[in-house]
Structures are given as C-alpha cells and as structure tokens.
C-alpha cells in the first residue's frame, strides 16, 4: 500500500492537481449496510398470546353474561311460581251443603269378596331338607308306598274340614 500511495504522490507533482483528486478518492467497494427489521419468535409469540388472551377474556365475558341472564330468568320464574302459589293457596270458604236434598248413599255395584280358608300346608319346595332326605333314604319300595303323597294329605285335610 505504501508503494501505491507514494506513486500517487509522485503523479500529483507530475500531472497536476486534477489527477490528484482522481487518484486519492477510492471507489466504494461495498454499499452501506441497511439494517433489516428482525422478526423474532418472541415478538410473533407475544402477538399470538395477546390475541389468545383477548379471545379467552371474550369467552369469559360471554359466559358471565349468560350466567347472569340465566339467574335473572330463574328469579323471574320463582317469582311467578310464588305468585301462582299464593293465588292457589288462599283459603276459600266451602260451599254450604244442600239441606233440601239430603244425601242418600247408593248401594255399591261391585261384587262382595268371597272369603277363603288359609292354607296351612307347607309346599314341597319350602320343606326342610332333612325331612325330605329322610323320606328318600328309606330303603325298599314297600315303605315308599305307605307314605302318603302331598296330594293325598291335602285331600285328607279337606275331608276332615268338610270342604269336599
């Protein structure tokens, strides 16, 4: 660089001042840098978060408004119910009965109930197991023939009572 610089000074003395300005001014190698707008993720996220927060606040406001409206409707319904009950529950005087036409009860058209005898015999499925097993344990068909069946028992009870 020094050689170039000294050569330029020698040329100044030789050629005059017009050449000096041409040699000393260097042509711009690079253009001036222009800063670009940076789009950071934090800035984008902040905008999205603000938009989301606004939507949440709007939803909460709508829910609160809906609840207040519902409570107001319930209060109105309760007031209407109270007014209706007050009108219905006012004690009113009973009408005087007609004494010129006395009340004569009519005979019922329904058939009277027929009384039944209670059943005192125990059904087979409700008998005690040990009793049934003792009957089954007896050996030989001759002994089983002498045992009366449940039908024979009930028939005997009916004969004793005089129902058949």
N, C-alpha and C. Protein backbone atom coordinates (compact mmCIF):
# COMPACT_ATOMS: atom_id res chain seq x y z
N UNK A 1 0.81 -1.19 0.00
CA UNK A 1 0.00 0.00 0.00
C UNK A 1 0.86 1.26 0.00
N UNK A 2 1.97 1.17 0.67
CA UNK A 2 2.80 2.37 0.73
C UNK A 2 3.34 2.73 -0.64
N UNK A 3 3.66 1.70 -1.41
CA UNK A 3 4.18 1.99 -2.74
C UNK A 3 3.12 2.68 -3.57
N UNK A 4 1.92 2.19 -3.48
CA UNK A 4 0.84 2.81 -4.25
C UNK A 4 0.64 4.23 -3.80
N UNK A 5 0.72 4.44 -2.54
CA UNK A 5 0.50 5.78 -2.03
C UNK A 5 1.61 6.75 -2.46
N UNK A 6 2.85 6.28 -2.39
CA UNK A 6 3.96 7.16 -2.84
C UNK A 6 3.91 7.39 -4.34
N UNK A 7 3.51 6.39 -5.07
CA UNK A 7 3.39 6.58 -6.52
C UNK A 7 2.31 7.60 -6.84
N UNK A 8 1.25 7.57 -6.08
CA UNK A 8 0.20 8.54 -6.32
C UNK A 8 0.70 9.95 -6.02
N UNK A 9 1.57 10.12 -5.00
CA UNK A 9 2.09 11.44 -4.68
C UNK A 9 3.05 11.93 -5.78
N UNK A 10 3.82 11.04 -6.34
CA UNK A 10 4.71 11.42 -7.44
C UNK A 10 3.90 11.89 -8.64
N UNK A 11 2.81 11.19 -8.88
CA UNK A 11 1.96 11.57 -10.01
C UNK A 11 1.31 12.94 -9.78
N UNK A 12 1.09 13.28 -8.55
CA UNK A 12 0.50 14.58 -8.26
C UNK A 12 1.45 15.68 -8.73
N UNK A 13 2.72 15.52 -8.39
CA UNK A 13 3.67 16.54 -8.77
C UNK A 13 3.86 16.58 -10.28
N UNK A 14 3.77 15.43 -10.92
CA UNK A 14 4.00 15.38 -12.36
C UNK A 14 2.81 15.91 -13.14
N UNK A 15 1.65 15.49 -12.86
CA UNK A 15 0.49 15.76 -13.72
C UNK A 15 -0.39 16.90 -13.23
N UNK A 16 -0.30 17.29 -12.13
CA UNK A 16 -1.10 18.41 -11.66
C UNK A 16 -2.14 17.98 -10.63
N UNK A 17 -2.92 18.96 -10.21
CA UNK A 17 -3.86 18.74 -9.11
C UNK A 17 -5.10 17.96 -9.53
N UNK A 18 -5.49 18.01 -10.82
CA UNK A 18 -6.71 17.32 -11.24
C UNK A 18 -6.56 15.81 -11.12
N UNK A 19 -5.39 15.35 -11.36
CA UNK A 19 -5.14 13.92 -11.28
C UNK A 19 -5.09 13.46 -9.82
N UNK A 20 -4.70 14.36 -8.95
CA UNK A 20 -4.58 14.02 -7.54
C UNK A 20 -5.93 13.59 -6.98
N UNK A 21 -6.95 14.35 -7.30
CA UNK A 21 -8.28 14.01 -6.77
C UNK A 21 -8.78 12.69 -7.32
N UNK A 22 -8.45 12.39 -8.53
CA UNK A 22 -8.88 11.13 -9.10
C UNK A 22 -8.19 9.95 -8.43
N UNK A 23 -6.92 10.13 -8.12
CA UNK A 23 -6.19 9.02 -7.51
C UNK A 23 -6.52 8.84 -6.03
N UNK A 24 -6.76 9.91 -5.31
CA UNK A 24 -6.98 9.80 -3.87
C UNK A 24 -8.37 9.27 -3.51
N UNK A 25 -9.36 9.58 -4.29
CA UNK A 25 -10.72 9.12 -3.97
C UNK A 25 -10.84 7.67 -4.42
N UNK A 26 -11.10 6.81 -3.49
CA UNK A 26 -11.23 5.40 -3.79
C UNK A 26 -12.70 5.11 -4.15
N UNK A 27 -12.87 4.29 -5.12
CA UNK A 27 -14.26 3.94 -5.45
C UNK A 27 -14.85 3.07 -4.33
N UNK A 28 -16.15 3.23 -4.02
CA UNK A 28 -16.75 2.43 -2.93
C UNK A 28 -16.81 0.95 -3.32
N UNK A 29 -16.24 0.15 -2.47
CA UNK A 29 -16.19 -1.28 -2.72
C UNK A 29 -17.53 -1.93 -2.32
N UNK A 30 -18.04 -1.57 -1.16
CA UNK A 30 -19.29 -2.13 -0.66
C UNK A 30 -20.30 -1.01 -0.48
N UNK A 31 -21.53 -1.37 -0.63
CA UNK A 31 -22.59 -0.40 -0.33
C UNK A 31 -22.77 -0.36 1.18
N UNK A 32 -23.31 0.74 1.61
CA UNK A 32 -23.59 0.86 3.04
C UNK A 32 -24.66 -0.17 3.44
N UNK A 33 -24.46 -0.79 4.59
CA UNK A 33 -25.42 -1.81 5.05
C UNK A 33 -26.67 -1.14 5.59
N UNK A 34 -27.77 -1.68 5.16
CA UNK A 34 -29.07 -1.18 5.65
C UNK A 34 -29.61 -2.23 6.62
N UNK A 35 -29.90 -1.83 7.84
CA UNK A 35 -30.40 -2.82 8.80
C UNK A 35 -31.80 -3.33 8.41
N UNK A 36 -32.00 -4.62 8.55
CA UNK A 36 -33.30 -5.22 8.22
C UNK A 36 -34.10 -5.33 9.52
N UNK A 37 -35.43 -5.29 9.37
CA UNK A 37 -36.28 -5.49 10.54
C UNK A 37 -36.25 -6.96 10.92
N UNK A 38 -35.84 -7.21 12.13
CA UNK A 38 -35.76 -8.58 12.60
C UNK A 38 -37.14 -9.03 13.10
N UNK A 39 -37.52 -10.22 12.73
CA UNK A 39 -38.77 -10.79 13.23
C UNK A 39 -38.40 -11.92 14.19
N UNK A 40 -38.36 -11.58 15.45
CA UNK A 40 -38.01 -12.57 16.45
C UNK A 40 -39.22 -13.43 16.79
N UNK A 41 -38.97 -14.65 17.15
CA UNK A 41 -40.06 -15.57 17.52
C UNK A 41 -40.80 -15.06 18.76
N UNK A 42 -40.08 -14.38 19.65
CA UNK A 42 -40.71 -13.83 20.85
C UNK A 42 -41.78 -12.81 20.48
N UNK A 43 -41.48 -11.97 19.48
CA UNK A 43 -42.46 -10.95 19.07
C UNK A 43 -43.70 -11.61 18.46
N UNK A 44 -43.48 -12.61 17.61
CA UNK A 44 -44.61 -13.30 16.99
C UNK A 44 -45.44 -14.00 18.06
N UNK A 45 -44.76 -14.65 18.99
CA UNK A 45 -45.46 -15.37 20.07
C UNK A 45 -46.23 -14.40 20.96
N UNK A 46 -45.67 -13.23 21.21
CA UNK A 46 -46.36 -12.24 22.04
C UNK A 46 -47.65 -11.77 21.37
N UNK A 47 -47.61 -11.58 20.05
CA UNK A 47 -48.82 -11.17 19.32
C UNK A 47 -49.88 -12.27 19.38
N UNK A 48 -49.46 -13.53 19.17
CA UNK A 48 -50.40 -14.64 19.23
C UNK A 48 -50.98 -14.80 20.64
N UNK A 49 -50.14 -14.64 21.63
CA UNK A 49 -50.59 -14.76 23.02
C UNK A 49 -51.58 -13.66 23.37
N UNK A 50 -51.33 -12.45 22.88
CA UNK A 50 -52.26 -11.34 23.15
C UNK A 50 -53.61 -11.62 22.49
N UNK A 51 -53.57 -12.16 21.26
CA UNK A 51 -54.81 -12.50 20.56
C UNK A 51 -55.57 -13.58 21.32
N UNK A 52 -54.84 -14.60 21.80
CA UNK A 52 -55.47 -15.68 22.57
C UNK A 52 -56.07 -15.17 23.88
N UNK A 53 -55.32 -14.32 24.58
CA UNK A 53 -55.81 -13.75 25.84
C UNK A 53 -57.08 -12.95 25.61
N UNK A 54 -57.14 -12.25 24.48
CA UNK A 54 -58.34 -11.48 24.15
C UNK A 54 -59.53 -12.41 23.91
N UNK A 55 -59.29 -13.53 23.21
CA UNK A 55 -60.37 -14.49 22.96
C UNK A 55 -60.87 -15.11 24.27
N UNK A 56 -59.93 -15.45 25.16
CA UNK A 56 -60.32 -16.03 26.44
C UNK A 56 -61.14 -15.03 27.26
N UNK A 57 -60.70 -13.79 27.27
CA UNK A 57 -61.43 -12.76 28.01
C UNK A 57 -62.84 -12.58 27.43
N UNK A 58 -62.96 -12.64 26.12
CA UNK A 58 -64.26 -12.52 25.46
C UNK A 58 -65.17 -13.69 25.83
N UNK A 59 -64.62 -14.92 25.84
CA UNK A 59 -65.41 -16.09 26.23
C UNK A 59 -65.87 -15.99 27.68
N UNK A 60 -64.96 -15.58 28.54
CA UNK A 60 -65.34 -15.43 29.95
C UNK A 60 -66.44 -14.40 30.13
N UNK A 61 -66.34 -13.32 29.38
CA UNK A 61 -67.36 -12.27 29.46
C UNK A 61 -68.71 -12.82 29.00
N UNK A 62 -68.70 -13.59 27.90
CA UNK A 62 -69.94 -14.17 27.39
C UNK A 62 -70.53 -15.18 28.38
N UNK A 63 -69.67 -16.00 29.00
CA UNK A 63 -70.15 -16.97 29.98
C UNK A 63 -70.76 -16.27 31.18
N UNK A 64 -70.09 -15.22 31.65
CA UNK A 64 -70.60 -14.46 32.79
C UNK A 64 -71.93 -13.82 32.45
N UNK A 65 -72.04 -13.29 31.26
CA UNK A 65 -73.29 -12.67 30.81
C UNK A 65 -74.40 -13.72 30.72
N UNK A 66 -74.06 -14.91 30.20
CA UNK A 66 -75.04 -15.99 30.09
C UNK A 66 -75.52 -16.43 31.47
N UNK A 67 -74.58 -16.56 32.44
CA UNK A 67 -74.96 -16.95 33.79
C UNK A 67 -75.88 -15.91 34.44
N UNK A 68 -75.54 -14.65 34.25
CA UNK A 68 -76.37 -13.60 34.83
C UNK A 68 -77.77 -13.63 34.22
N UNK A 69 -77.84 -13.86 32.90
CA UNK A 69 -79.15 -13.93 32.24
C UNK A 69 -79.94 -15.13 32.76
N UNK A 70 -79.28 -16.27 32.93
CA UNK A 70 -79.96 -17.46 33.44
C UNK A 70 -80.46 -17.24 34.87
N UNK A 71 -79.63 -16.61 35.71
CA UNK A 71 -80.06 -16.32 37.09
C UNK A 71 -81.25 -15.38 37.10
N UNK A 72 -81.22 -14.41 36.21
CA UNK A 72 -82.34 -13.47 36.13
C UNK A 72 -83.62 -14.20 35.72
N UNK A 73 -83.51 -15.12 34.74
CA UNK A 73 -84.67 -15.90 34.30
C UNK A 73 -85.18 -16.78 35.44
N UNK A 74 -84.27 -17.39 36.21
CA UNK A 74 -84.68 -18.22 37.33
C UNK A 74 -85.42 -17.41 38.39
N UNK A 75 -84.92 -16.21 38.68
CA UNK A 75 -85.58 -15.35 39.66
C UNK A 75 -86.98 -14.99 39.20
N UNK A 76 -87.11 -14.67 37.90
CA UNK A 76 -88.44 -14.36 37.37
C UNK A 76 -89.38 -15.55 37.47
N UNK A 77 -88.87 -16.75 37.14
CA UNK A 77 -89.70 -17.95 37.23
C UNK A 77 -90.11 -18.23 38.67
N UNK A 78 -89.18 -18.05 39.61
CA UNK A 78 -89.50 -18.27 41.02
C UNK A 78 -90.55 -17.26 41.49
N UNK A 79 -90.42 -16.01 41.07
CA UNK A 79 -91.42 -15.01 41.46
C UNK A 79 -92.79 -15.35 40.88
N UNK A 80 -92.82 -15.82 39.62
CA UNK A 80 -94.09 -16.22 39.02
C UNK A 80 -94.68 -17.41 39.76
N UNK A 81 -93.83 -18.36 40.15
CA UNK A 81 -94.29 -19.53 40.90
C UNK A 81 -94.85 -19.12 42.25
N UNK A 82 -94.19 -18.20 42.92
CA UNK A 82 -94.66 -17.73 44.22
C UNK A 82 -96.00 -17.04 44.07
N UNK A 83 -96.14 -16.20 43.04
CA UNK A 83 -97.43 -15.52 42.80
C UNK A 83 -98.54 -16.53 42.55
N UNK A 84 -98.23 -17.56 41.74
CA UNK A 84 -99.24 -18.57 41.41
C UNK A 84 -99.64 -19.36 42.66
N UNK A 85 -98.64 -19.73 43.47
CA UNK A 85 -98.94 -20.48 44.69
C UNK A 85 -99.75 -19.65 45.68
N UNK A 86 -99.44 -18.38 45.77
CA UNK A 86 -100.20 -17.52 46.69
C UNK A 86 -101.66 -17.41 46.27
N UNK A 87 -101.89 -17.37 44.95
CA UNK A 87 -103.27 -17.32 44.48
C UNK A 87 -104.00 -18.64 44.75
N UNK A 88 -103.30 -19.75 44.53
CA UNK A 88 -103.94 -21.06 44.71
C UNK A 88 -104.15 -21.40 46.17
N UNK A 89 -103.24 -21.01 47.04
CA UNK A 89 -103.29 -21.44 48.43
C UNK A 89 -104.09 -20.51 49.34
N UNK A 90 -104.79 -19.56 48.77
CA UNK A 90 -105.64 -18.69 49.58
C UNK A 90 -106.80 -19.53 50.10
N UNK A 91 -107.02 -19.57 51.41
CA UNK A 91 -108.13 -20.38 51.93
C UNK A 91 -109.47 -19.77 51.49
N UNK A 92 -110.31 -20.64 50.94
CA UNK A 92 -111.62 -20.21 50.46
C UNK A 92 -112.69 -20.94 51.25
N UNK A 93 -113.81 -20.32 51.42
CA UNK A 93 -114.91 -20.92 52.17
C UNK A 93 -115.51 -22.07 51.38
N UNK A 94 -115.90 -23.13 52.11
CA UNK A 94 -116.57 -24.27 51.49
C UNK A 94 -118.02 -23.89 51.21
N UNK A 95 -118.56 -24.44 50.14
CA UNK A 95 -119.96 -24.18 49.82
C UNK A 95 -120.86 -24.87 50.85
N UNK A 96 -121.96 -24.25 51.11
CA UNK A 96 -122.93 -24.83 52.05
C UNK A 96 -123.61 -26.03 51.40
N UNK A 97 -123.76 -27.12 52.14
CA UNK A 97 -124.44 -28.28 51.55
C UNK A 97 -125.93 -27.98 51.36
N UNK A 98 -126.51 -28.69 50.40
CA UNK A 98 -127.95 -28.52 50.14
C UNK A 98 -128.72 -29.37 51.16
N UNK A 99 -129.48 -28.71 52.01
CA UNK A 99 -130.24 -29.44 53.02
C UNK A 99 -131.62 -29.83 52.51
N UNK A 100 -132.05 -29.22 51.40
CA UNK A 100 -133.35 -29.59 50.86
C UNK A 100 -133.29 -30.94 50.16
N UNK A 101 -132.09 -31.36 49.71
CA UNK A 101 -131.90 -32.67 49.10
C UNK A 101 -130.93 -33.45 49.99
N UNK A 102 -131.40 -34.24 50.89
CA UNK A 102 -130.50 -34.96 51.78
C UNK A 102 -129.72 -36.04 51.02
N UNK A 103 -128.57 -36.34 51.53
CA UNK A 103 -127.68 -37.32 50.90
C UNK A 103 -128.16 -38.73 51.25
N UNK A 104 -128.37 -39.55 50.19
CA UNK A 104 -128.75 -40.94 50.38
C UNK A 104 -127.67 -41.79 49.71
N UNK A 105 -126.95 -42.59 50.49
CA UNK A 105 -125.89 -43.39 49.88
C UNK A 105 -126.48 -44.48 48.99
N UNK A 106 -125.82 -44.75 47.88
CA UNK A 106 -126.26 -45.79 46.95
C UNK A 106 -125.55 -47.09 47.27
N UNK A 107 -126.21 -48.16 46.87
CA UNK A 107 -125.62 -49.49 47.05
C UNK A 107 -124.51 -49.67 46.02
N UNK A 108 -123.43 -50.28 46.44
CA UNK A 108 -122.30 -50.49 45.55
C UNK A 108 -122.64 -51.54 44.49
N UNK A 109 -122.09 -51.34 43.28
CA UNK A 109 -122.34 -52.27 42.18
C UNK A 109 -121.29 -53.38 42.14
N UNK A 110 -120.24 -53.30 42.91
CA UNK A 110 -119.20 -54.31 42.92
C UNK A 110 -119.67 -55.55 43.66
N UNK A 111 -119.14 -56.70 43.26
CA UNK A 111 -119.45 -57.96 43.92
C UNK A 111 -118.70 -58.02 45.24
N UNK A 112 -119.33 -58.53 46.29
CA UNK A 112 -118.61 -58.64 47.57
C UNK A 112 -117.51 -59.70 47.47
N UNK A 113 -116.49 -59.56 48.28
CA UNK A 113 -115.37 -60.52 48.25
C UNK A 113 -115.81 -61.83 48.88
N UNK A 114 -115.27 -62.93 48.34
CA UNK A 114 -115.58 -64.27 48.85
C UNK A 114 -114.47 -64.66 49.81
N UNK A 115 -114.79 -64.98 51.06
CA UNK A 115 -113.73 -65.36 52.00
C UNK A 115 -113.14 -66.71 51.65
N UNK A 116 -111.83 -66.88 51.89
CA UNK A 116 -111.14 -68.15 51.63
C UNK A 116 -110.51 -68.65 52.91
N UNK A 117 -110.36 -69.95 52.95
CA UNK A 117 -109.67 -70.56 54.09
C UNK A 117 -108.17 -70.38 53.90
N UNK A 118 -107.43 -70.13 54.93
CA UNK A 118 -105.97 -70.03 54.79
C UNK A 118 -105.36 -71.40 54.54
N UNK A 119 -104.25 -71.44 53.81
CA UNK A 119 -103.56 -72.69 53.52
C UNK A 119 -102.47 -72.89 54.57
N UNK A 120 -102.67 -73.93 55.37
CA UNK A 120 -101.72 -74.21 56.42
C UNK A 120 -100.68 -75.25 56.02
N UNK A 121 -100.86 -75.92 54.90
CA UNK A 121 -99.89 -76.94 54.50
C UNK A 121 -98.65 -76.25 53.92
N UNK A 122 -97.51 -76.86 54.13
CA UNK A 122 -96.24 -76.29 53.67
C UNK A 122 -95.95 -76.87 52.29
N UNK A 123 -95.69 -76.04 51.28
CA UNK A 123 -95.36 -76.56 49.95
C UNK A 123 -94.07 -77.35 49.98
N UNK A 124 -93.91 -78.25 49.01
CA UNK A 124 -92.77 -79.16 48.98
C UNK A 124 -91.45 -78.40 48.87
N UNK A 125 -91.40 -77.32 48.10
CA UNK A 125 -90.13 -76.61 47.91
C UNK A 125 -89.73 -75.82 49.16
N UNK A 126 -90.69 -75.66 50.11
CA UNK A 126 -90.35 -74.93 51.33
C UNK A 126 -90.12 -75.85 52.53
N UNK A 127 -90.20 -77.14 52.30
CA UNK A 127 -89.97 -78.06 53.42
C UNK A 127 -88.49 -78.11 53.76
N UNK A 128 -88.20 -78.57 54.95
CA UNK A 128 -86.82 -78.64 55.42
C UNK A 128 -86.12 -79.78 54.71
N UNK A 129 -84.87 -79.58 54.33
CA UNK A 129 -84.11 -80.57 53.58
C UNK A 129 -83.97 -81.90 54.32
N UNK A 130 -83.74 -81.82 55.59
CA UNK A 130 -83.50 -83.05 56.34
C UNK A 130 -84.74 -83.94 56.31
N UNK A 131 -85.92 -83.35 56.31
CA UNK A 131 -87.15 -84.15 56.26
C UNK A 131 -87.26 -84.86 54.93
N UNK A 132 -86.96 -84.15 53.83
CA UNK A 132 -87.03 -84.75 52.51
C UNK A 132 -86.00 -85.86 52.36
N UNK A 133 -84.81 -85.64 52.88
CA UNK A 133 -83.76 -86.64 52.75
C UNK A 133 -84.11 -87.90 53.54
N UNK A 134 -84.74 -87.71 54.69
CA UNK A 134 -85.09 -88.88 55.48
C UNK A 134 -86.13 -89.72 54.76
N UNK A 135 -87.01 -89.10 54.01
CA UNK A 135 -88.00 -89.85 53.23
C UNK A 135 -87.34 -90.56 52.08
N UNK A 136 -86.36 -89.95 51.46
CA UNK A 136 -85.67 -90.56 50.32
C UNK A 136 -84.71 -91.66 50.75
N UNK A 137 -84.23 -91.60 51.98
CA UNK A 137 -83.24 -92.57 52.45
C UNK A 137 -83.85 -93.92 52.80
N UNK A 138 -85.14 -93.96 52.93
CA UNK A 138 -85.77 -95.24 53.30
C UNK A 138 -85.55 -96.25 52.19
N UNK A 139 -85.19 -97.42 52.57
CA UNK A 139 -84.88 -98.45 51.57
C UNK A 139 -86.12 -99.25 51.24
N UNK A 140 -86.23 -99.63 49.99
CA UNK A 140 -87.30 -100.52 49.56
C UNK A 140 -88.53 -99.77 49.09
N UNK A 141 -89.16 -100.26 48.04
CA UNK A 141 -90.36 -99.62 47.51
C UNK A 141 -91.59 -99.84 48.37
N UNK A 142 -91.57 -100.86 49.21
CA UNK A 142 -92.74 -101.13 50.04
C UNK A 142 -92.96 -100.02 51.06
N UNK A 143 -91.87 -99.47 51.60
CA UNK A 143 -92.01 -98.40 52.58
C UNK A 143 -92.46 -97.11 51.91
N UNK A 144 -92.01 -96.86 50.68
CA UNK A 144 -92.41 -95.63 49.98
C UNK A 144 -93.88 -95.67 49.60
N UNK A 145 -94.43 -96.84 49.38
CA UNK A 145 -95.83 -96.92 49.01
C UNK A 145 -96.72 -96.55 50.18
N UNK A 146 -96.27 -96.79 51.38
CA UNK A 146 -97.09 -96.49 52.55
C UNK A 146 -97.09 -95.01 52.91
N UNK A 147 -96.11 -94.23 52.38
CA UNK A 147 -96.08 -92.80 52.67
C UNK A 147 -97.11 -92.08 51.83
N UNK A 148 -97.98 -91.28 52.42
CA UNK A 148 -98.98 -90.56 51.62
C UNK A 148 -98.32 -89.40 50.88
N UNK A 149 -98.73 -89.15 49.66
CA UNK A 149 -98.18 -88.04 48.90
C UNK A 149 -98.81 -86.74 49.39
N UNK A 150 -98.27 -85.60 48.92
CA UNK A 150 -98.78 -84.30 49.36
C UNK A 150 -100.21 -84.08 48.88
N UNK A 151 -100.56 -84.65 47.72
CA UNK A 151 -101.93 -84.51 47.22
C UNK A 151 -102.89 -85.29 48.13
N UNK A 152 -102.50 -86.47 48.54
CA UNK A 152 -103.34 -87.26 49.43
C UNK A 152 -103.51 -86.57 50.77
N UNK A 153 -102.45 -85.90 51.24
CA UNK A 153 -102.52 -85.18 52.51
C UNK A 153 -103.53 -84.04 52.43
N UNK A 154 -103.46 -83.25 51.34
CA UNK A 154 -104.37 -82.12 51.20
C UNK A 154 -105.81 -82.60 51.05
N UNK A 155 -106.01 -83.70 50.32
CA UNK A 155 -107.36 -84.24 50.18
C UNK A 155 -107.89 -84.67 51.54
N UNK A 156 -107.04 -85.27 52.35
CA UNK A 156 -107.47 -85.70 53.68
C UNK A 156 -107.82 -84.51 54.54
N UNK A 157 -107.04 -83.42 54.44
CA UNK A 157 -107.35 -82.22 55.22
C UNK A 157 -108.69 -81.64 54.81
N UNK A 158 -108.95 -81.59 53.49
CA UNK A 158 -110.23 -81.05 53.02
C UNK A 158 -111.41 -81.91 53.50
N UNK A 159 -111.26 -83.22 53.54
CA UNK A 159 -112.33 -84.11 54.00
C UNK A 159 -112.59 -83.90 55.47
N UNK A 160 -111.50 -83.71 56.23
CA UNK A 160 -111.65 -83.50 57.68
C UNK A 160 -112.38 -82.18 57.97
N UNK A 161 -112.16 -81.19 57.18
CA UNK A 161 -112.78 -79.89 57.40
C UNK A 161 -114.18 -79.80 56.79
N UNK A 162 -114.52 -80.75 55.96
CA UNK A 162 -115.84 -80.77 55.37
C UNK A 162 -115.98 -79.86 54.18
N UNK A 163 -114.90 -79.58 53.49
CA UNK A 163 -114.97 -78.68 52.33
C UNK A 163 -115.31 -79.43 51.05
N UNK A 164 -115.08 -80.75 50.99
CA UNK A 164 -115.38 -81.51 49.77
C UNK A 164 -116.44 -82.53 49.99
